[in-house]
Structures are given as structure tokens and as C-alpha cells.
Amino acid sequence: MKQGQWMLNGSDYERWDSSTFFDTEDEAINRGIHLLEKYNNNPQNEKTRNQLMDDLALYPDDNEPIYGFYVGQIEEVGFPDRTDDLLERISEDVCDEVGDYAEDYLDDVTDEHKKELQELIYSWAKQRDYLPSCFLIREIEEIDIRNFEEVAE
């Protein structure tokens, strides 16, 4: 999964669980159409049902035709820069410990040093695999395969 890719979902729920990603919206839509055509032609086919679960996060429990799905574009969740908050919290903790003598502790940290600290935290998170693996879905569009000429009911 990477920024800008597309994915499919069987419903417009908040959670998108598909395991397949596409580089273009057209690729995603074509895959969804293909899967639903295959399923609607033979709903008992176990392989097709498994593909619906993997690619569309659809879990059909009956043999009724399915004509719709959703397509959306992935937007990565960035690693937050909380450097100022961290420095402020440290300063407050020291001030709580010793009182007014530490009132201006860490007030003179330069922007360059803040950036260095943020890069260090980011590097640590990346090295330890703590970067966010979640993502947002944008540009959501509902697709009804009956709107395509090549698809017959």
C-alpha cells in the first residue's frame, strides 16, 4: 500500500479491509466489475467467493447477485511532529520538580535543534517499525456494474 493507490470495498463502511491495491482508479474499477461478473455468473464458485473477500471485503451469505461496490484512493497518515509538545512537557516536568528556578528551561531550543530531534524520533520510529500503517480513504465513489454496457443483468 502506498500513497495515491486505489482500493475496493464492498460497502461504504468506515473500515476498508481489502488486501489488494491498484495504481489507478480504472484498474480498481475493472477488477471490481470483473469480480462481480464472475460471482454473479456462478455464486457457488468457492474461488470467486474467496476473491470477493480478499479484493472487496465482501462476504456473501446467499447466492443473490451483487451489483455494487466502492472504490477509493489511499491517503497515507503521516508521522506527527510533536517535538514542541515534547519539549514543553519536559520543561513542565522539570519546573514541577524544582519550581520557578526552571521556569525558562528549554525556552532557547533552536528551530534547527527541534528539527534534529524530530528527525531522530522519526528515524527511531521507522527503524523500530512504529510508523503508522493505517491510512485514510478519499475520493470514494460508488460503482454500479449495471451502468456499464458490457455488463448484463
C-alpha atoms as a PDB file:
ATOM      1  CA  MET A   1       0.000   0.000   0.000  1.00  0.00           C
ATOM      2  CA  LYS A   2       1.301   3.422  -0.888  1.00  0.00           C
ATOM      3  CA  GLN A   3       0.100   6.978  -1.235  1.00  0.00           C
ATOM      4  CA  GLY A   4      -2.260   7.521  -4.155  1.00  0.00           C
ATOM      5  CA  GLN A   5      -3.123   3.887  -4.796  1.00  0.00           C
ATOM      6  CA  TRP A   6      -6.727   2.768  -5.079  1.00  0.00           C
ATOM      7  CA  MET A   7      -8.636   0.025  -3.357  1.00  0.00           C
ATOM      8  CA  LEU A   8     -12.043  -1.582  -3.417  1.00  0.00           C
ATOM      9  CA  ASN A   9     -14.620  -2.215  -0.749  1.00  0.00           C
ATOM     10  CA  GLY A  10     -17.953  -3.937  -0.810  1.00  0.00           C
ATOM     11  CA  SER A  11     -19.609  -1.294   1.327  1.00  0.00           C
ATOM     12  CA  ASP A  12     -19.211   2.304   2.401  1.00  0.00           C
ATOM     13  CA  TYR A  13     -18.184   1.420   5.956  1.00  0.00           C
ATOM     14  CA  GLU A  14     -15.506   3.381   7.783  1.00  0.00           C
ATOM     15  CA  ARG A  15     -13.162   0.395   7.685  1.00  0.00           C
ATOM     16  CA  TRP A  16     -11.751  -0.795   4.375  1.00  0.00           C
ATOM     17  CA  ASP A  17     -10.225  -4.269   4.687  1.00  0.00           C
ATOM     18  CA  SER A  18      -9.276  -5.237   1.163  1.00  0.00           C
ATOM     19  CA  SER A  19      -5.849  -6.793   0.704  1.00  0.00           C
ATOM     20  CA  THR A  20      -5.414  -5.676  -2.917  1.00  0.00           C
ATOM     21  CA  PHE A  21      -4.206  -2.266  -4.083  1.00  0.00           C
ATOM     22  CA  PHE A  22      -4.240  -0.713  -7.558  1.00  0.00           C
ATOM     23  CA  ASP A  23      -2.122   2.005  -9.149  1.00  0.00           C
ATOM     24  CA  THR A  24      -5.047   3.590 -10.996  1.00  0.00           C
ATOM     25  CA  GLU A  25      -8.748   4.057 -10.400  1.00  0.00           C
ATOM     26  CA  ASP A  26      -9.534   2.362 -13.727  1.00  0.00           C
ATOM     27  CA  GLU A  27      -7.590  -0.759 -12.716  1.00  0.00           C
ATOM     28  CA  ALA A  28      -9.527  -0.916  -9.454  1.00  0.00           C
ATOM     29  CA  ILE A  29     -12.917  -0.425 -11.113  1.00  0.00           C
ATOM     30  CA  ASN A  30     -12.166  -3.015 -13.813  1.00  0.00           C
ATOM     31  CA  ARG A  31     -11.156  -5.540 -11.136  1.00  0.00           C
ATOM     32  CA  GLY A  32     -14.361  -4.900  -9.183  1.00  0.00           C
ATOM     33  CA  ILE A  33     -16.511  -5.277 -12.295  1.00  0.00           C
ATOM     34  CA  HIS A  34     -14.697  -8.480 -13.251  1.00  0.00           C
ATOM     35  CA  LEU A  35     -15.130  -9.995  -9.774  1.00  0.00           C
ATOM     36  CA  LEU A  36     -18.830  -9.208  -9.566  1.00  0.00           C
ATOM     37  CA  GLU A  37     -19.449 -10.531 -13.083  1.00  0.00           C
ATOM     38  CA  LYS A  38     -17.699 -13.779 -12.163  1.00  0.00           C
ATOM     39  CA  TYR A  39     -19.622 -14.075  -8.908  1.00  0.00           C
ATOM     40  CA  ASN A  40     -22.995 -13.243 -10.473  1.00  0.00           C
ATOM     41  CA  ASN A  41     -22.418 -15.891 -13.176  1.00  0.00           C
ATOM     42  CA  ASN A  42     -21.543 -18.595 -10.629  1.00  0.00           C
ATOM     43  CA  PRO A  43     -22.193 -17.608  -6.987  1.00  0.00           C
ATOM     44  CA  GLN A  44     -21.295 -21.088  -5.713  1.00  0.00           C
ATOM     45  CA  ASN A  45     -17.700 -20.943  -7.006  1.00  0.00           C
ATOM     46  CA  GLU A  46     -15.537 -21.017  -3.868  1.00  0.00           C
ATOM     47  CA  LYS A  47     -12.505 -19.420  -5.557  1.00  0.00           C
ATOM     48  CA  THR A  48     -14.586 -16.450  -6.730  1.00  0.00           C
ATOM     49  CA  ARG A  49     -16.149 -16.086  -3.267  1.00  0.00           C
ATOM     50  CA  ASN A  50     -12.648 -16.010  -1.741  1.00  0.00           C
ATOM     51  CA  GLN A  51     -11.584 -13.337  -4.258  1.00  0.00           C
ATOM     52  CA  LEU A  52     -14.610 -11.251  -3.228  1.00  0.00           C
ATOM     53  CA  MET A  53     -13.457 -11.487   0.376  1.00  0.00           C
ATOM     54  CA  ASP A  54      -9.839 -10.593  -0.461  1.00  0.00           C
ATOM     55  CA  ASP A  55     -10.392  -7.822  -3.003  1.00  0.00           C
ATOM     56  CA  LEU A  56     -13.746  -6.336  -1.975  1.00  0.00           C
ATOM     57  CA  ALA A  57     -14.041  -7.351   1.684  1.00  0.00           C
ATOM     58  CA  LEU A  58     -17.436  -8.793   0.717  1.00  0.00           C
ATOM     59  CA  TYR A  59     -18.742 -11.865   2.495  1.00  0.00           C
ATOM     60  CA  PRO A  60     -21.766 -13.077   0.517  1.00  0.00           C
ATOM     61  CA  ASP A  61     -24.010 -15.356   2.555  1.00  0.00           C
ATOM     62  CA  ASP A  62     -26.562 -16.059  -0.112  1.00  0.00           C
ATOM     63  CA  ASN A  63     -26.483 -16.538  -3.845  1.00  0.00           C
ATOM     64  CA  GLU A  64     -28.130 -13.218  -4.723  1.00  0.00           C
ATOM     65  CA  PRO A  65     -26.431 -11.142  -7.428  1.00  0.00           C
ATOM     66  CA  ILE A  66     -24.254  -8.258  -6.271  1.00  0.00           C
ATOM     67  CA  TYR A  67     -24.147  -5.182  -8.480  1.00  0.00           C
ATOM     68  CA  GLY A  68     -22.319  -2.561  -6.466  1.00  0.00           C
ATOM     69  CA  PHE A  69     -19.031  -1.797  -4.785  1.00  0.00           C
ATOM     70  CA  TYR A  70     -16.955   1.210  -3.763  1.00  0.00           C
ATOM     71  CA  VAL A  71     -13.596   2.460  -4.951  1.00  0.00           C
ATOM     72  CA  GLY A  72     -11.427   4.908  -3.024  1.00  0.00           C
ATOM     73  CA  GLN A  73      -7.958   6.420  -3.066  1.00  0.00           C
ATOM     74  CA  ILE A  74      -5.428   5.834  -0.301  1.00  0.00           C
ATOM     75  CA  GLU A  75      -4.018   8.741   1.644  1.00  0.00           C
ATOM     76  CA  GLU A  76      -1.189   7.835   3.989  1.00  0.00           C
ATOM     77  CA  VAL A  77      -1.260   9.027   7.573  1.00  0.00           C
ATOM     78  CA  GLY A  78       1.900  10.979   8.251  1.00  0.00           C
ATOM     79  CA  PHE A  79       4.065  10.683  11.323  1.00  0.00           C
ATOM     80  CA  PRO A  80       3.158  13.599  13.602  1.00  0.00           C
ATOM     81  CA  ASP A  81       5.667  16.234  14.644  1.00  0.00           C
ATOM     82  CA  ARG A  82       5.091  16.624  18.383  1.00  0.00           C
ATOM     83  CA  THR A  83       8.549  17.991  19.136  1.00  0.00           C
ATOM     84  CA  ASP A  84       7.283  21.278  20.624  1.00  0.00           C
ATOM     85  CA  ASP A  85       4.819  19.407  22.846  1.00  0.00           C
ATOM     86  CA  LEU A  86       7.535  17.004  23.991  1.00  0.00           C
ATOM     87  CA  LEU A  87       9.937  19.810  24.873  1.00  0.00           C
ATOM     88  CA  GLU A  88       7.175  21.706  26.666  1.00  0.00           C
ATOM     89  CA  ARG A  89       6.218  18.601  28.661  1.00  0.00           C
ATOM     90  CA  ILE A  90       9.840  18.006  29.658  1.00  0.00           C
ATOM     91  CA  SER A  91      10.179  21.649  30.673  1.00  0.00           C
ATOM     92  CA  GLU A  92       6.981  21.496  32.738  1.00  0.00           C
ATOM     93  CA  ASP A  93       8.111  18.277  34.469  1.00  0.00           C
ATOM     94  CA  VAL A  94      11.448  19.841  35.425  1.00  0.00           C
ATOM     95  CA  CYS A  95       9.684  23.015  36.593  1.00  0.00           C
ATOM     96  CA  ASP A  96       7.282  20.917  38.705  1.00  0.00           C
ATOM     97  CA  GLU A  97      10.287  19.213  40.262  1.00  0.00           C
ATOM     98  CA  VAL A  98      12.392  22.293  41.120  1.00  0.00           C
ATOM     99  CA  GLY A  99       9.972  25.195  40.930  1.00  0.00           C
ATOM    100  CA  ASP A 100      10.466  28.635  39.420  1.00  0.00           C
ATOM    101  CA  TYR A 101      14.217  28.130  39.051  1.00  0.00           C
ATOM    102  CA  ALA A 102      13.494  26.096  35.899  1.00  0.00           C
ATOM    103  CA  GLU A 103      10.789  28.370  34.503  1.00  0.00           C
ATOM    104  CA  ASP A 104      12.722  29.109  31.311  1.00  0.00           C
ATOM    105  CA  TYR A 105      14.241  25.645  30.914  1.00  0.00           C
ATOM    106  CA  LEU A 106      14.334  24.622  27.199  1.00  0.00           C
ATOM    107  CA  ASP A 107      12.988  28.014  26.062  1.00  0.00           C
ATOM    108  CA  ASP A 108      16.117  28.564  23.975  1.00  0.00           C
ATOM    109  CA  VAL A 109      15.988  25.370  21.873  1.00  0.00           C
ATOM    110  CA  THR A 110      16.620  26.478  18.291  1.00  0.00           C
ATOM    111  CA  ASP A 111      14.478  25.508  15.312  1.00  0.00           C
ATOM    112  CA  GLU A 112      17.462  23.620  13.949  1.00  0.00           C
ATOM    113  CA  HIS A 113      17.716  21.560  17.140  1.00  0.00           C
ATOM    114  CA  LYS A 114      13.948  20.930  17.144  1.00  0.00           C
ATOM    115  CA  LYS A 115      14.207  19.662  13.586  1.00  0.00           C
ATOM    116  CA  GLU A 116      17.120  17.428  14.583  1.00  0.00           C
ATOM    117  CA  LEU A 117      15.060  15.981  17.466  1.00  0.00           C
ATOM    118  CA  GLN A 118      12.072  15.361  15.175  1.00  0.00           C
ATOM    119  CA  GLU A 119      14.314  13.576  12.669  1.00  0.00           C
ATOM    120  CA  LEU A 120      15.754  11.458  15.479  1.00  0.00           C
ATOM    121  CA  ILE A 121      12.275  10.482  16.688  1.00  0.00           C
ATOM    122  CA  TYR A 122      11.151   9.731  13.133  1.00  0.00           C
ATOM    123  CA  SER A 123      14.268   7.652  12.482  1.00  0.00           C
ATOM    124  CA  TRP A 124      13.678   5.691  15.679  1.00  0.00           C
ATOM    125  CA  ALA A 125      10.017   5.056  14.754  1.00  0.00           C
ATOM    126  CA  LYS A 126      10.992   3.921  11.267  1.00  0.00           C
ATOM    127  CA  GLN A 127      13.803   1.661  12.484  1.00  0.00           C
ATOM    128  CA  ARG A 128      11.542   0.027  15.079  1.00  0.00           C
ATOM    129  CA  ASP A 129       8.576  -0.221  12.672  1.00  0.00           C
ATOM    130  CA  TYR A 130       6.389   2.212  14.620  1.00  0.00           C
ATOM    131  CA  LEU A 131       5.379   4.386  11.676  1.00  0.00           C
ATOM    132  CA  PRO A 132       1.603   4.390  11.084  1.00  0.00           C
ATOM    133  CA  SER A 133       0.462   1.566   8.843  1.00  0.00           C
ATOM    134  CA  CYS A 134      -3.097   2.851   8.752  1.00  0.00           C
ATOM    135  CA  PHE A 135      -4.419   5.132   6.045  1.00  0.00           C
ATOM    136  CA  LEU A 136      -7.394   7.230   5.045  1.00  0.00           C
ATOM    137  CA  ILE A 137      -9.645   6.641   2.056  1.00  0.00           C
ATOM    138  CA  ARG A 138     -10.503   9.657  -0.090  1.00  0.00           C
ATOM    139  CA  GLU A 139     -12.276  10.166  -3.407  1.00  0.00           C
ATOM    140  CA  ILE A 140     -14.799   7.420  -2.573  1.00  0.00           C
ATOM    141  CA  GLU A 141     -17.087   6.545  -5.440  1.00  0.00           C
ATOM    142  CA  GLU A 142     -19.933   4.056  -5.605  1.00  0.00           C
ATOM    143  CA  ILE A 143     -19.851   1.822  -8.667  1.00  0.00           C
ATOM    144  CA  ASP A 144     -22.927   0.022 -10.001  1.00  0.00           C
ATOM    145  CA  ILE A 145     -21.791  -2.509 -12.584  1.00  0.00           C
ATOM    146  CA  ARG A 146     -25.167  -2.348 -14.329  1.00  0.00           C
ATOM    147  CA  ASN A 147     -24.140   1.109 -15.578  1.00  0.00           C
ATOM    148  CA  PHE A 148     -21.504  -0.440 -17.838  1.00  0.00           C
ATOM    149  CA  GLU A 149     -22.588  -1.569 -21.304  1.00  0.00           C
ATOM    150  CA  GLU A 150     -20.601  -4.800 -21.256  1.00  0.00           C
ATOM    151  CA  VAL A 151     -22.321  -5.993 -18.062  1.00  0.00           C
ATOM    152  CA  ALA A 152     -25.645  -7.721 -18.490  1.00  0.00           C
ATOM    153  CA  GLU A 153     -28.048  -8.450 -15.630  1.00  0.00           C
END
